[in-house]
Amino acid sequence: MVFDGLRLLFEAGDLLAAEIVSAQLELGQKSRWSCQFRRRNGELVVLALSRKHPGGAVVRVFDSLDSAFETCECIGFRCVKVVSSETSAQAVRALRDAERY
């Protein structure tokens, strides 16, 4: 979901929590991060790029935790959980599900 949509959901009270997760699907030694959000109905949504891409939305990947946290702050969150575990199956599923939107 794109930034503006997430901000609207936050303002409506539909987003309960924000997580910054390691982007396991990204190659390279440097850690990269993505943002995912838990909705009131339990669904996980992932921040996607705002630009149009052939084949659907692309997950937004950050080079630093600072930039990922700043984006979560702009959406409205003041507290964010950071998950760096590579075995987080839930985070991987959320990233793959984002490709469908």
Protein backbone atom coordinates (compact mmCIF):
# COMPACT_ATOMS: atom_id res chain seq x y z
CA MET A 1 0.00 0.00 0.00
CA VAL A 2 1.32 3.47 -0.80
CA PHE A 3 2.22 6.14 1.78
CA ASP A 4 -0.92 8.26 1.36
CA GLY A 5 -3.20 5.26 1.82
CA LEU A 6 -1.37 4.22 4.99
CA ARG A 7 -1.58 7.73 6.39
CA LEU A 8 -5.35 7.77 5.82
CA LEU A 9 -5.70 4.40 7.56
CA PHE A 10 -3.65 5.69 10.51
CA GLU A 11 -5.77 8.83 10.83
CA ALA A 12 -8.91 6.67 10.73
CA GLY A 13 -7.53 4.50 13.56
CA ASP A 14 -7.21 1.38 11.41
CA LEU A 15 -3.42 0.93 11.79
CA LEU A 16 -2.44 -0.42 15.22
CA ALA A 17 1.30 -1.05 14.97
CA ALA A 18 4.32 -0.42 12.77
CA GLU A 19 7.31 -2.72 12.27
CA ILE A 20 10.55 -2.19 10.42
CA VAL A 21 11.70 -5.57 9.14
CA SER A 22 14.89 -6.67 7.46
CA ALA A 23 14.35 -7.05 3.72
CA GLN A 24 15.50 -10.65 3.33
CA LEU A 25 14.82 -10.69 -0.38
CA GLU A 26 17.40 -7.96 -1.02
CA LEU A 27 20.88 -9.11 -2.06
CA GLY A 28 24.08 -7.73 -0.58
CA GLN A 29 25.89 -7.52 2.73
CA LYS A 30 24.41 -4.20 3.80
CA SER A 31 21.21 -4.42 5.83
CA ARG A 32 18.14 -3.08 4.08
CA TRP A 33 14.74 -2.50 5.62
CA SER A 34 11.04 -2.33 4.78
CA CYS A 35 8.03 -1.14 6.78
CA GLN A 36 4.97 -3.21 7.55
CA PHE A 37 1.85 -2.27 9.45
CA ARG A 38 -0.78 -4.25 11.36
CA ARG A 39 -4.38 -3.29 10.67
CA ARG A 40 -7.23 -3.54 13.15
CA ASN A 41 -8.51 -6.71 11.41
CA GLY A 42 -5.09 -8.39 11.88
CA GLU A 43 -3.95 -8.02 8.28
CA LEU A 44 -0.34 -7.01 7.59
CA VAL A 45 0.25 -4.39 4.90
CA VAL A 46 3.62 -3.34 3.52
CA LEU A 47 4.68 0.11 2.36
CA ALA A 48 5.00 0.14 -1.43
CA LEU A 49 6.58 2.62 -3.82
CA SER A 50 4.25 5.36 -5.02
CA ARG A 51 5.50 5.15 -8.60
CA LYS A 52 3.65 2.95 -11.06
CA HIS A 53 5.51 -0.18 -12.13
CA PRO A 54 4.58 -2.75 -14.74
CA GLY A 55 3.22 -5.81 -13.00
CA GLY A 56 1.98 -4.07 -9.86
CA ALA A 57 3.29 -2.44 -6.71
CA VAL A 58 6.90 -2.78 -5.56
CA VAL A 59 7.84 -2.92 -1.87
CA ARG A 60 9.73 0.18 -0.74
CA VAL A 61 13.15 -0.77 0.63
CA PHE A 62 15.22 1.58 2.80
CA ASP A 63 19.00 1.66 3.12
CA SER A 64 18.91 2.79 6.76
CA LEU A 65 16.78 2.34 9.86
CA ASP A 66 16.67 6.11 10.26
CA SER A 67 14.93 6.66 6.94
CA ALA A 68 12.48 3.81 7.59
CA PHE A 69 11.66 5.21 11.03
CA GLU A 70 11.24 8.73 9.64
CA THR A 71 8.69 7.40 7.15
CA CYS A 72 6.77 5.65 9.96
CA GLU A 73 6.81 8.95 11.88
CA CYS A 74 5.40 10.79 8.86
CA ILE A 75 2.54 8.28 8.73
CA GLY A 76 1.85 9.07 12.40
CA PHE A 77 3.63 6.44 14.50
CA ARG A 78 5.86 7.47 17.41
CA CYS A 79 6.78 3.94 18.46
CA VAL A 80 8.03 1.34 15.97
CA LYS A 81 9.21 -2.24 16.51
CA VAL A 82 12.38 -3.30 14.66
CA VAL A 83 12.55 -6.95 13.58
CA SER A 84 15.88 -8.06 12.15
CA SER A 85 15.40 -11.82 12.38
CA GLU A 86 15.92 -13.55 9.05
CA THR A 87 13.56 -16.32 10.12
CA SER A 88 10.54 -14.06 10.40
CA ALA A 89 8.18 -15.98 8.14
CA GLN A 90 5.43 -13.44 8.73
CA ALA A 91 7.59 -10.62 7.38
CA VAL A 92 8.48 -12.62 4.27
CA ARG A 93 4.80 -13.42 3.63
CA ALA A 94 3.87 -9.74 4.01
CA LEU A 95 6.55 -8.72 1.51
CA ARG A 96 5.33 -11.29 -1.00
CA ASP A 97 1.69 -10.31 -0.47
CA ALA A 98 2.57 -6.67 -1.20
CA GLU A 99 3.61 -7.68 -4.71
CA ARG A 100 -0.02 -8.59 -5.40
CA TYR A 101 -1.33 -5.03 -4.82
